[in-house]
Amino acid sequence: MNMQTAVKPARRIFVAICVATGLLLTARAATQQAGSAREELVRAGDATIHVMMRGEGPTVVLLPAAGRGVEDFDDLSTRLAQAGYRAVLPQPRGIGRSVGSLEGLTMHDLGADVAVVIKAMGGAPVTIVGHAFGNRVARIVATDHPALVKQVILLAAGGIVPPSPETQEAMRRASDASLPRDERLAARRRAFFATGNDPATWEGGWHETARQAQAAANRATPVQEWWAAGAVPILVLQGTEDAIAPPENAQLLAKEYGDRVSVVEIQGAGHAMLPEQPERIASAILAYLRR
């Protein structure tokens, strides 16, 4: 047999392997690039806001729950970046490298921090995703700075209908450092998590000083000043077992604002939502962004 004839099939196989490997390496590099974070410090009045960014494309700003940092959005921001969006994560003042006065704040002040970040990112109207307390901040940004907000996506969207007294007591016990760990975990499960989900995923990552300042800002600001989210479209992702932001809140939004509001139920999710159902939440958000 001619040696050249024997070599050609082997060479084709080798080239095919190289091409396939190259494509895999290129895809892996793109995934790593999308998932890697860039950082910037943005001056907002007396505050300096530490901002992390992932990906390139239309901007989606992500705002975390009370007393928690943007690390809660690690999974979602990576998924958004891989899907062709720029995820912008402003760390709330009082957490990590974000600093500024925590005295005498209102929700308007916290919304202004986010507005300055959006302007620093280019100022084009953005989508804001707010989780729990972050959903309130998202709505006040849309109210106070309508030119900067295209739409809001609200996770665990409370406000009007309060949690039950039993849930409020569970919230208090969950943060009571004097209680044994098992009791605190049981309270955290009762307040924040759906049946069968692991409350230990939220055992760390709490920032009590920032949480207290946020709670004071919330008390200082009437609900009516942020409830409507200005006039922008609203997507509510409603955990079916959310005891802190009961489903009646989403129903009220839909009743009051009609076609401006879309509600998607997230099965198997409580108030924590993000660590409970990351894939369902990402799928619902991406579907809304691409609609």
C-alpha atoms as a PDB file:
ATOM      1  CA  MET A   1       0.000   0.000   0.000  1.00  0.00           C
ATOM      2  CA  ASN A   2       1.200   3.522  -0.886  1.00  0.00           C
ATOM      3  CA  MET A   3       2.502   5.216   2.305  1.00  0.00           C
ATOM      4  CA  GLN A   4       1.016   8.611   1.263  1.00  0.00           C
ATOM      5  CA  THR A   5      -2.400   6.981   0.878  1.00  0.00           C
ATOM      6  CA  ALA A   6      -2.152   5.529   4.379  1.00  0.00           C
ATOM      7  CA  VAL A   7      -1.098   8.832   5.924  1.00  0.00           C
ATOM      8  CA  LYS A   8      -3.894  11.000   4.469  1.00  0.00           C
ATOM      9  CA  PRO A   9      -6.749   9.527   6.574  1.00  0.00           C
ATOM     10  CA  ALA A  10      -4.629   9.797   9.714  1.00  0.00           C
ATOM     11  CA  ARG A  11      -3.783  13.413   8.862  1.00  0.00           C
ATOM     12  CA  ARG A  12      -7.478  14.206   8.354  1.00  0.00           C
ATOM     13  CA  ILE A  13      -8.280  12.673  11.722  1.00  0.00           C
ATOM     14  CA  PHE A  14      -5.457  14.689  13.340  1.00  0.00           C
ATOM     15  CA  VAL A  15      -6.661  17.925  11.723  1.00  0.00           C
ATOM     16  CA  ALA A  16     -10.241  17.201  12.812  1.00  0.00           C
ATOM     17  CA  ILE A  17      -9.068  16.618  16.377  1.00  0.00           C
ATOM     18  CA  CYS A  18      -7.080  19.869  16.322  1.00  0.00           C
ATOM     19  CA  VAL A  19     -10.044  21.827  14.969  1.00  0.00           C
ATOM     20  CA  ALA A  20     -12.412  20.305  17.520  1.00  0.00           C
ATOM     21  CA  THR A  21      -9.940  20.926  20.333  1.00  0.00           C
ATOM     22  CA  GLY A  22      -9.454  24.505  19.160  1.00  0.00           C
ATOM     23  CA  LEU A  23     -13.198  25.090  19.157  1.00  0.00           C
ATOM     24  CA  LEU A  24     -13.460  23.635  22.636  1.00  0.00           C
ATOM     25  CA  LEU A  25     -10.607  25.796  23.865  1.00  0.00           C
ATOM     26  CA  THR A  26     -12.148  28.871  22.231  1.00  0.00           C
ATOM     27  CA  ALA A  27     -15.540  28.133  23.822  1.00  0.00           C
ATOM     28  CA  ARG A  28     -13.882  27.518  27.187  1.00  0.00           C
ATOM     29  CA  ALA A  29     -11.919  30.780  26.929  1.00  0.00           C
ATOM     30  CA  ALA A  30     -15.119  32.658  26.064  1.00  0.00           C
ATOM     31  CA  THR A  31     -16.889  31.109  29.038  1.00  0.00           C
ATOM     32  CA  GLN A  32     -14.023  32.002  31.359  1.00  0.00           C
ATOM     33  CA  GLN A  33     -13.912  35.556  29.985  1.00  0.00           C
ATOM     34  CA  ALA A  34     -17.688  35.945  30.433  1.00  0.00           C
ATOM     35  CA  GLY A  35     -17.460  34.676  33.982  1.00  0.00           C
ATOM     36  CA  SER A  36     -14.479  36.768  35.042  1.00  0.00           C
ATOM     37  CA  ALA A  37     -15.211  39.986  36.924  1.00  0.00           C
ATOM     38  CA  ARG A  38     -13.858  43.466  36.247  1.00  0.00           C
ATOM     39  CA  GLU A  39     -13.929  46.080  38.990  1.00  0.00           C
ATOM     40  CA  GLU A  40     -14.366  49.831  39.283  1.00  0.00           C
ATOM     41  CA  LEU A  41     -14.822  52.337  42.100  1.00  0.00           C
ATOM     42  CA  VAL A  42     -17.534  54.939  41.453  1.00  0.00           C
ATOM     43  CA  ARG A  43     -17.893  58.108  43.491  1.00  0.00           C
ATOM     44  CA  ALA A  44     -21.521  58.782  44.529  1.00  0.00           C
ATOM     45  CA  GLY A  45     -21.706  61.941  46.656  1.00  0.00           C
ATOM     46  CA  ASP A  46     -20.191  61.101  50.033  1.00  0.00           C
ATOM     47  CA  ALA A  47     -20.062  57.404  49.110  1.00  0.00           C
ATOM     48  CA  THR A  48     -17.725  55.292  47.027  1.00  0.00           C
ATOM     49  CA  ILE A  49     -19.406  52.308  45.391  1.00  0.00           C
ATOM     50  CA  HIS A  50     -17.409  49.234  44.465  1.00  0.00           C
ATOM     51  CA  VAL A  51     -18.788  47.888  41.180  1.00  0.00           C
ATOM     52  CA  MET A  52     -18.086  44.510  39.630  1.00  0.00           C
ATOM     53  CA  MET A  53     -18.919  43.744  35.994  1.00  0.00           C
ATOM     54  CA  ARG A  54     -19.138  40.574  33.914  1.00  0.00           C
ATOM     55  CA  GLY A  55     -19.629  40.236  30.170  1.00  0.00           C
ATOM     56  CA  GLU A  56     -20.400  42.687  27.374  1.00  0.00           C
ATOM     57  CA  GLY A  57     -23.715  43.726  25.860  1.00  0.00           C
ATOM     58  CA  PRO A  58     -26.944  45.323  27.109  1.00  0.00           C
ATOM     59  CA  THR A  59     -26.554  46.255  30.766  1.00  0.00           C
ATOM     60  CA  VAL A  60     -28.361  44.430  33.560  1.00  0.00           C
ATOM     61  CA  VAL A  61     -27.830  45.883  37.052  1.00  0.00           C
ATOM     62  CA  LEU A  62     -28.164  43.436  39.960  1.00  0.00           C
ATOM     63  CA  LEU A  63     -29.149  44.593  43.484  1.00  0.00           C
ATOM     64  CA  PRO A  64     -28.970  42.190  46.454  1.00  0.00           C
ATOM     65  CA  ALA A  65     -31.174  41.492  49.470  1.00  0.00           C
ATOM     66  CA  ALA A  66     -30.949  43.379  52.772  1.00  0.00           C
ATOM     67  CA  GLY A  67     -27.645  42.951  54.539  1.00  0.00           C
ATOM     68  CA  ARG A  68     -26.233  40.827  51.738  1.00  0.00           C
ATOM     69  CA  GLY A  69     -23.628  41.508  49.070  1.00  0.00           C
ATOM     70  CA  VAL A  70     -23.584  41.125  45.315  1.00  0.00           C
ATOM     71  CA  GLU A  71     -21.855  37.751  45.728  1.00  0.00           C
ATOM     72  CA  ASP A  72     -25.391  36.323  45.866  1.00  0.00           C
ATOM     73  CA  PHE A  73     -25.515  37.040  42.127  1.00  0.00           C
ATOM     74  CA  ASP A  74     -22.315  35.164  41.195  1.00  0.00           C
ATOM     75  CA  ASP A  75     -24.238  32.424  39.398  1.00  0.00           C
ATOM     76  CA  LEU A  76     -26.830  34.649  37.726  1.00  0.00           C
ATOM     77  CA  SER A  77     -24.316  37.282  36.602  1.00  0.00           C
ATOM     78  CA  THR A  78     -22.145  34.597  35.004  1.00  0.00           C
ATOM     79  CA  ARG A  79     -25.154  33.166  33.163  1.00  0.00           C
ATOM     80  CA  LEU A  80     -26.117  36.649  31.954  1.00  0.00           C
ATOM     81  CA  ALA A  81     -22.580  37.327  30.730  1.00  0.00           C
ATOM     82  CA  GLN A  82     -22.462  34.034  28.854  1.00  0.00           C
ATOM     83  CA  ALA A  83     -25.798  34.929  27.226  1.00  0.00           C
ATOM     84  CA  GLY A  84     -24.436  38.215  25.857  1.00  0.00           C
ATOM     85  CA  TYR A  85     -25.270  40.750  28.553  1.00  0.00           C
ATOM     86  CA  ARG A  86     -23.150  43.014  30.737  1.00  0.00           C
ATOM     87  CA  ALA A  87     -23.946  42.242  34.372  1.00  0.00           C
ATOM     88  CA  VAL A  88     -23.211  45.237  36.630  1.00  0.00           C
ATOM     89  CA  LEU A  89     -23.056  44.557  40.368  1.00  0.00           C
ATOM     90  CA  PRO A  90     -22.844  47.632  42.644  1.00  0.00           C
ATOM     91  CA  GLN A  91     -21.973  46.552  46.172  1.00  0.00           C
ATOM     92  CA  PRO A  92     -24.286  48.368  48.621  1.00  0.00           C
ATOM     93  CA  ARG A  93     -22.636  51.017  50.779  1.00  0.00           C
ATOM     94  CA  GLY A  94     -21.402  49.576  54.051  1.00  0.00           C
ATOM     95  CA  ILE A  95     -20.412  46.245  52.487  1.00  0.00           C
ATOM     96  CA  GLY A  96     -16.885  45.376  51.391  1.00  0.00           C
ATOM     97  CA  ARG A  97     -15.152  48.234  49.584  1.00  0.00           C
ATOM     98  CA  SER A  98     -18.346  50.291  49.226  1.00  0.00           C
ATOM     99  CA  VAL A  99     -18.211  53.014  51.855  1.00  0.00           C
ATOM    100  CA  GLY A 100     -20.257  56.039  52.836  1.00  0.00           C
ATOM    101  CA  SER A 101     -22.433  57.406  55.597  1.00  0.00           C
ATOM    102  CA  LEU A 102     -25.007  54.973  56.964  1.00  0.00           C
ATOM    103  CA  GLU A 103     -26.783  57.552  59.116  1.00  0.00           C
ATOM    104  CA  GLY A 104     -30.088  59.190  58.224  1.00  0.00           C
ATOM    105  CA  LEU A 105     -30.495  57.426  54.889  1.00  0.00           C
ATOM    106  CA  THR A 106     -33.705  57.082  52.914  1.00  0.00           C
ATOM    107  CA  MET A 107     -34.466  54.787  49.998  1.00  0.00           C
ATOM    108  CA  HIS A 108     -33.928  57.793  47.738  1.00  0.00           C
ATOM    109  CA  ASP A 109     -30.285  57.973  48.882  1.00  0.00           C
ATOM    110  CA  LEU A 110     -29.705  54.294  48.146  1.00  0.00           C
ATOM    111  CA  GLY A 111     -31.385  54.690  44.764  1.00  0.00           C
ATOM    112  CA  ALA A 112     -29.137  57.657  44.001  1.00  0.00           C
ATOM    113  CA  ASP A 113     -26.066  55.439  44.579  1.00  0.00           C
ATOM    114  CA  VAL A 114     -27.325  53.082  41.873  1.00  0.00           C
ATOM    115  CA  ALA A 115     -28.210  55.946  39.522  1.00  0.00           C
ATOM    116  CA  VAL A 116     -24.647  57.287  39.711  1.00  0.00           C
ATOM    117  CA  VAL A 117     -23.321  53.824  38.872  1.00  0.00           C
ATOM    118  CA  ILE A 118     -25.627  53.561  35.841  1.00  0.00           C
ATOM    119  CA  LYS A 119     -24.414  56.955  34.611  1.00  0.00           C
ATOM    120  CA  ALA A 120     -20.809  55.865  35.095  1.00  0.00           C
ATOM    121  CA  MET A 121     -21.543  52.767  32.978  1.00  0.00           C
ATOM    122  CA  GLY A 122     -22.736  54.930  30.079  1.00  0.00           C
ATOM    123  CA  GLY A 123     -26.134  56.211  31.160  1.00  0.00           C
ATOM    124  CA  ALA A 124     -28.225  54.256  28.638  1.00  0.00           C
ATOM    125  CA  PRO A 125     -31.504  52.895  30.012  1.00  0.00           C
ATOM    126  CA  VAL A 126     -30.794  49.582  31.762  1.00  0.00           C
ATOM    127  CA  THR A 127     -32.631  46.605  33.171  1.00  0.00           C
ATOM    128  CA  ILE A 128     -32.476  46.414  36.963  1.00  0.00           C
ATOM    129  CA  VAL A 129     -32.861  43.101  38.778  1.00  0.00           C
ATOM    130  CA  GLY A 130     -33.588  43.559  42.480  1.00  0.00           C
ATOM    131  CA  HIS A 131     -33.814  40.758  45.024  1.00  0.00           C
ATOM    132  CA  ALA A 132     -35.854  41.264  48.221  1.00  0.00           C
ATOM    133  CA  PHE A 133     -34.687  44.622  49.649  1.00  0.00           C
ATOM    134  CA  GLY A 134     -32.925  45.172  46.323  1.00  0.00           C
ATOM    135  CA  ASN A 135     -36.290  45.080  44.567  1.00  0.00           C
ATOM    136  CA  ARG A 136     -37.321  48.139  46.576  1.00  0.00           C
ATOM    137  CA  VAL A 137     -34.147  49.941  45.557  1.00  0.00           C
ATOM    138  CA  ALA A 138     -34.777  48.964  41.928  1.00  0.00           C
ATOM    139  CA  ARG A 139     -38.247  50.478  42.076  1.00  0.00           C
ATOM    140  CA  ILE A 140     -37.098  53.738  43.596  1.00  0.00           C
ATOM    141  CA  VAL A 141     -34.382  54.112  40.952  1.00  0.00           C
ATOM    142  CA  ALA A 142     -37.078  53.690  38.286  1.00  0.00           C
ATOM    143  CA  THR A 143     -39.241  56.249  40.107  1.00  0.00           C
ATOM    144  CA  ASP A 144     -36.575  58.898  40.756  1.00  0.00           C
ATOM    145  CA  HIS A 145     -34.459  58.395  37.613  1.00  0.00           C
ATOM    146  CA  PRO A 146     -36.837  57.255  34.849  1.00  0.00           C
ATOM    147  CA  ALA A 147     -34.437  58.112  32.014  1.00  0.00           C
ATOM    148  CA  LEU A 148     -31.951  55.534  33.336  1.00  0.00           C
ATOM    149  CA  VAL A 149     -34.272  52.524  33.628  1.00  0.00           C
ATOM    150  CA  LYS A 150     -35.722  50.453  30.798  1.00  0.00           C
ATOM    151  CA  GLN A 151     -37.483  47.844  32.955  1.00  0.00           C
ATOM    152  CA  VAL A 152     -37.252  46.182  36.362  1.00  0.00           C
ATOM    153  CA  ILE A 153     -37.210  42.517  37.323  1.00  0.00           C
ATOM    154  CA  LEU A 154     -38.277  41.929  40.915  1.00  0.00           C
ATOM    155  CA  LEU A 155     -37.383  38.827  42.927  1.00  0.00           C
ATOM    156  CA  ALA A 156     -39.210  38.406  46.254  1.00  0.00           C
ATOM    157  CA  ALA A 157     -41.215  41.587  45.731  1.00  0.00           C
ATOM    158  CA  GLY A 158     -42.842  42.519  49.028  1.00  0.00           C
ATOM    159  CA  GLY A 159     -44.036  45.883  50.227  1.00  0.00           C
ATOM    160  CA  ILE A 160     -47.759  46.092  50.966  1.00  0.00           C
ATOM    161  CA  VAL A 161     -48.781  42.689  52.345  1.00  0.00           C
ATOM    162  CA  PRO A 162     -46.540  41.932  55.348  1.00  0.00           C
ATOM    163  CA  PRO A 163     -45.247  38.550  56.505  1.00  0.00           C
ATOM    164  CA  SER A 164     -47.151  36.786  59.257  1.00  0.00           C
ATOM    165  CA  PRO A 165     -46.156  37.375  62.907  1.00  0.00           C
ATOM    166  CA  GLU A 166     -44.708  33.842  62.972  1.00  0.00           C
ATOM    167  CA  THR A 167     -42.495  34.612  59.965  1.00  0.00           C
ATOM    168  CA  GLN A 168     -41.363  37.901  61.496  1.00  0.00           C
ATOM    169  CA  GLU A 169     -40.368  36.050  64.657  1.00  0.00           C
ATOM    170  CA  ALA A 170     -38.459  33.486  62.574  1.00  0.00           C
ATOM    171  CA  MET A 171     -36.598  36.333  60.837  1.00  0.00           C
ATOM    172  CA  ARG A 172     -35.618  37.764  64.213  1.00  0.00           C
ATOM    173  CA  ARG A 173     -34.415  34.404  65.522  1.00  0.00           C
ATOM    174  CA  ALA A 174     -32.468  33.696  62.336  1.00  0.00           C
ATOM    175  CA  SER A 175     -30.172  36.650  63.055  1.00  0.00           C
ATOM    176  CA  ASP A 176     -29.966  36.198  66.835  1.00  0.00           C
ATOM    177  CA  ALA A 177     -26.319  35.276  67.441  1.00  0.00           C
ATOM    178  CA  SER A 178     -27.112  34.280  71.034  1.00  0.00           C
ATOM    179  CA  LEU A 179     -29.118  31.251  69.849  1.00  0.00           C
ATOM    180  CA  PRO A 180     -27.540  27.871  69.082  1.00  0.00           C
ATOM    181  CA  ARG A 181     -26.699  27.300  65.414  1.00  0.00           C
ATOM    182  CA  ASP A 182     -29.375  24.636  64.976  1.00  0.00           C
ATOM    183  CA  GLU A 183     -32.071  26.994  66.197  1.00  0.00           C
ATOM    184  CA  ARG A 184     -30.877  29.785  63.938  1.00  0.00           C
ATOM    185  CA  LEU A 185     -30.829  27.439  60.926  1.00  0.00           C
ATOM    186  CA  ALA A 186     -34.346  26.232  61.744  1.00  0.00           C
ATOM    187  CA  ALA A 187     -35.539  29.836  61.931  1.00  0.00           C
ATOM    188  CA  ARG A 188     -33.770  30.684  58.675  1.00  0.00           C
ATOM    189  CA  ARG A 189     -35.446  27.716  56.995  1.00  0.00           C
ATOM    190  CA  ARG A 190     -38.840  28.862  58.271  1.00  0.00           C
ATOM    191  CA  ALA A 191     -38.395  32.465  57.168  1.00  0.00           C
ATOM    192  CA  PHE A 192     -36.356  32.328  53.956  1.00  0.00           C
ATOM    193  CA  PHE A 193     -36.495  28.882  52.353  1.00  0.00           C
ATOM    194  CA  ALA A 194     -38.997  26.627  50.650  1.00  0.00           C
ATOM    195  CA  THR A 195     -39.633  23.113  51.908  1.00  0.00           C
ATOM    196  CA  GLY A 196     -36.628  20.820  51.416  1.00  0.00           C
ATOM    197  CA  ASN A 197     -34.126  23.565  50.544  1.00  0.00           C
ATOM    198  CA  ASP A 198     -30.902  23.985  52.528  1.00  0.00           C
ATOM    199  CA  PRO A 199     -30.805  27.098  54.754  1.00  0.00           C
ATOM    200  CA  ALA A 200     -27.046  26.641  55.287  1.00  0.00           C
ATOM    201  CA  THR A 201     -26.506  28.249  51.857  1.00  0.00           C
ATOM    202  CA  TRP A 202     -27.404  31.542  53.541  1.00  0.00           C
ATOM    203  CA  GLU A 203     -25.554  30.931  56.784  1.00  0.00           C
ATOM    204  CA  GLY A 204     -22.750  33.276  55.786  1.00  0.00           C
ATOM    205  CA  GLY A 205     -22.677  36.455  53.725  1.00  0.00           C
ATOM    206  CA  TRP A 206     -24.540  38.703  56.172  1.00  0.00           C
ATOM    207  CA  HIS A 207     -23.517  42.308  56.927  1.00  0.00           C
ATOM    208  CA  GLU A 208     -25.428  43.424  59.996  1.00  0.00           C
ATOM    209  CA  THR A 209     -24.401  47.101  60.063  1.00  0.00           C
ATOM    210  CA  ALA A 210     -25.471  47.584  56.462  1.00  0.00           C
ATOM    211  CA  ARG A 211     -28.694  45.648  57.102  1.00  0.00           C
ATOM    212  CA  GLN A 212     -29.631  47.925  59.978  1.00  0.00           C
ATOM    213  CA  ALA A 213     -28.962  51.043  57.877  1.00  0.00           C
ATOM    214  CA  GLN A 214     -31.071  49.644  55.049  1.00  0.00           C
ATOM    215  CA  ALA A 215     -33.902  48.815  57.439  1.00  0.00           C
ATOM    216  CA  ALA A 216     -33.813  52.390  58.769  1.00  0.00           C
ATOM    217  CA  ALA A 217     -33.861  53.782  55.212  1.00  0.00           C
ATOM    218  CA  ASN A 218     -36.862  51.600  54.437  1.00  0.00           C
ATOM    219  CA  ARG A 219     -38.734  52.800  57.550  1.00  0.00           C
ATOM    220  CA  ALA A 220     -37.947  56.422  56.650  1.00  0.00           C
ATOM    221  CA  THR A 221     -39.505  56.115  53.183  1.00  0.00           C
ATOM    222  CA  PRO A 222     -43.245  55.587  52.610  1.00  0.00           C
ATOM    223  CA  VAL A 223     -44.005  52.549  50.459  1.00  0.00           C
ATOM    224  CA  GLN A 224     -46.008  54.705  48.048  1.00  0.00           C
ATOM    225  CA  GLU A 225     -42.804  56.521  47.052  1.00  0.00           C
ATOM    226  CA  TRP A 226     -41.359  53.404  45.377  1.00  0.00           C
ATOM    227  CA  TRP A 227     -44.173  50.839  45.015  1.00  0.00           C
ATOM    228  CA  ALA A 228     -45.110  51.669  41.388  1.00  0.00           C
ATOM    229  CA  ALA A 229     -41.543  51.597  39.953  1.00  0.00           C
ATOM    230  CA  GLY A 230     -42.293  54.751  38.017  1.00  0.00           C
ATOM    231  CA  ALA A 231     -43.903  53.795  34.715  1.00  0.00           C
ATOM    232  CA  VAL A 232     -41.555  51.069  33.446  1.00  0.00           C
ATOM    233  CA  PRO A 233     -42.434  47.436  32.628  1.00  0.00           C
ATOM    234  CA  ILE A 234     -42.181  45.066  35.603  1.00  0.00           C
ATOM    235  CA  LEU A 235     -41.465  41.353  35.760  1.00  0.00           C
ATOM    236  CA  VAL A 236     -42.130  39.752  39.150  1.00  0.00           C
ATOM    237  CA  LEU A 237     -40.547  36.383  39.899  1.00  0.00           C
ATOM    238  CA  GLN A 238     -42.695  35.067  42.716  1.00  0.00           C
ATOM    239  CA  GLY A 239     -41.500  32.211  44.887  1.00  0.00           C
ATOM    240  CA  THR A 240     -44.463  29.920  45.498  1.00  0.00           C
ATOM    241  CA  GLU A 241     -43.350  29.451  49.128  1.00  0.00           C
ATOM    242  CA  ASP A 242     -42.185  32.998  49.899  1.00  0.00           C
ATOM    243  CA  ALA A 243     -43.323  33.700  53.472  1.00  0.00           C
ATOM    244  CA  ILE A 244     -41.678  37.137  53.726  1.00  0.00           C
ATOM    245  CA  ALA A 245     -42.974  38.590  50.431  1.00  0.00           C
ATOM    246  CA  PRO A 246     -46.305  36.743  50.120  1.00  0.00           C
ATOM    247  CA  PRO A 247     -47.765  36.226  46.617  1.00  0.00           C
ATOM    248  CA  GLU A 248     -50.511  38.746  47.367  1.00  0.00           C
ATOM    249  CA  ASN A 249     -47.951  41.504  46.718  1.00  0.00           C
ATOM    250  CA  ALA A 250     -47.378  40.331  43.139  1.00  0.00           C
ATOM    251  CA  GLN A 251     -51.133  40.004  42.653  1.00  0.00           C
ATOM    252  CA  LEU A 252     -51.636  43.587  43.829  1.00  0.00           C
ATOM    253  CA  LEU A 253     -49.018  44.883  41.385  1.00  0.00           C
ATOM    254  CA  ALA A 254     -50.655  43.041  38.501  1.00  0.00           C
ATOM    255  CA  LYS A 255     -54.104  44.293  39.503  1.00  0.00           C
ATOM    256  CA  GLU A 256     -52.998  47.919  39.884  1.00  0.00           C
ATOM    257  CA  TYR A 257     -50.805  48.252  36.794  1.00  0.00           C
ATOM    258  CA  GLY A 258     -52.270  45.758  34.343  1.00  0.00           C
ATOM    259  CA  ASP A 259     -50.243  44.963  31.227  1.00  0.00           C
ATOM    260  CA  ARG A 260     -47.203  46.754  32.622  1.00  0.00           C
ATOM    261  CA  VAL A 261     -46.711  43.839  35.045  1.00  0.00           C
ATOM    262  CA  SER A 262     -45.858  40.210  34.255  1.00  0.00           C
ATOM    263  CA  VAL A 263     -45.755  37.596  37.015  1.00  0.00           C
ATOM    264  CA  VAL A 264     -43.870  34.288  36.778  1.00  0.00           C
ATOM    265  CA  GLU A 265     -44.156  31.787  39.603  1.00  0.00           C
ATOM    266  CA  ILE A 266     -40.937  30.037  40.647  1.00  0.00           C
ATOM    267  CA  GLN A 267     -41.815  26.645  42.058  1.00  0.00           C
ATOM    268  CA  GLY A 268     -39.828  25.383  45.017  1.00  0.00           C
ATOM    269  CA  ALA A 269     -38.581  28.840  45.996  1.00  0.00           C
ATOM    270  CA  GLY A 270     -38.977  30.875  49.150  1.00  0.00           C
ATOM    271  CA  HIS A 271     -37.644  34.348  49.880  1.00  0.00           C
ATOM    272  CA  ALA A 272     -33.991  33.387  49.362  1.00  0.00           C
ATOM    273  CA  MET A 273     -34.778  32.294  45.772  1.00  0.00           C
ATOM    274  CA  LEU A 274     -31.330  32.721  44.206  1.00  0.00           C
ATOM    275  CA  PRO A 275     -29.604  29.774  45.904  1.00  0.00           C
ATOM    276  CA  GLU A 276     -32.831  27.764  45.786  1.00  0.00           C
ATOM    277  CA  GLN A 277     -33.726  27.834  42.079  1.00  0.00           C
ATOM    278  CA  PRO A 278     -30.848  29.377  40.090  1.00  0.00           C
ATOM    279  CA  GLU A 279     -31.679  27.725  36.754  1.00  0.00           C
ATOM    280  CA  ARG A 280     -35.397  28.558  36.827  1.00  0.00           C
ATOM    281  CA  ILE A 281     -34.658  32.162  37.762  1.00  0.00           C
ATOM    282  CA  ALA A 282     -32.013  32.594  35.055  1.00  0.00           C
ATOM    283  CA  SER A 283     -34.301  31.038  32.424  1.00  0.00           C
ATOM    284  CA  ALA A 284     -37.191  33.341  33.346  1.00  0.00           C
ATOM    285  CA  ILE A 285     -34.989  36.444  33.304  1.00  0.00           C
ATOM    286  CA  LEU A 286     -33.341  35.585  29.978  1.00  0.00           C
ATOM    287  CA  ALA A 287     -36.718  34.842  28.395  1.00  0.00           C
ATOM    288  CA  TYR A 288     -37.974  38.269  29.524  1.00  0.00           C
ATOM    289  CA  LEU A 289     -34.861  40.064  28.287  1.00  0.00           C
ATOM    290  CA  ARG A 290     -35.133  38.384  24.853  1.00  0.00           C
ATOM    291  CA  ARG A 291     -38.875  38.817  24.413  1.00  0.00           C
END
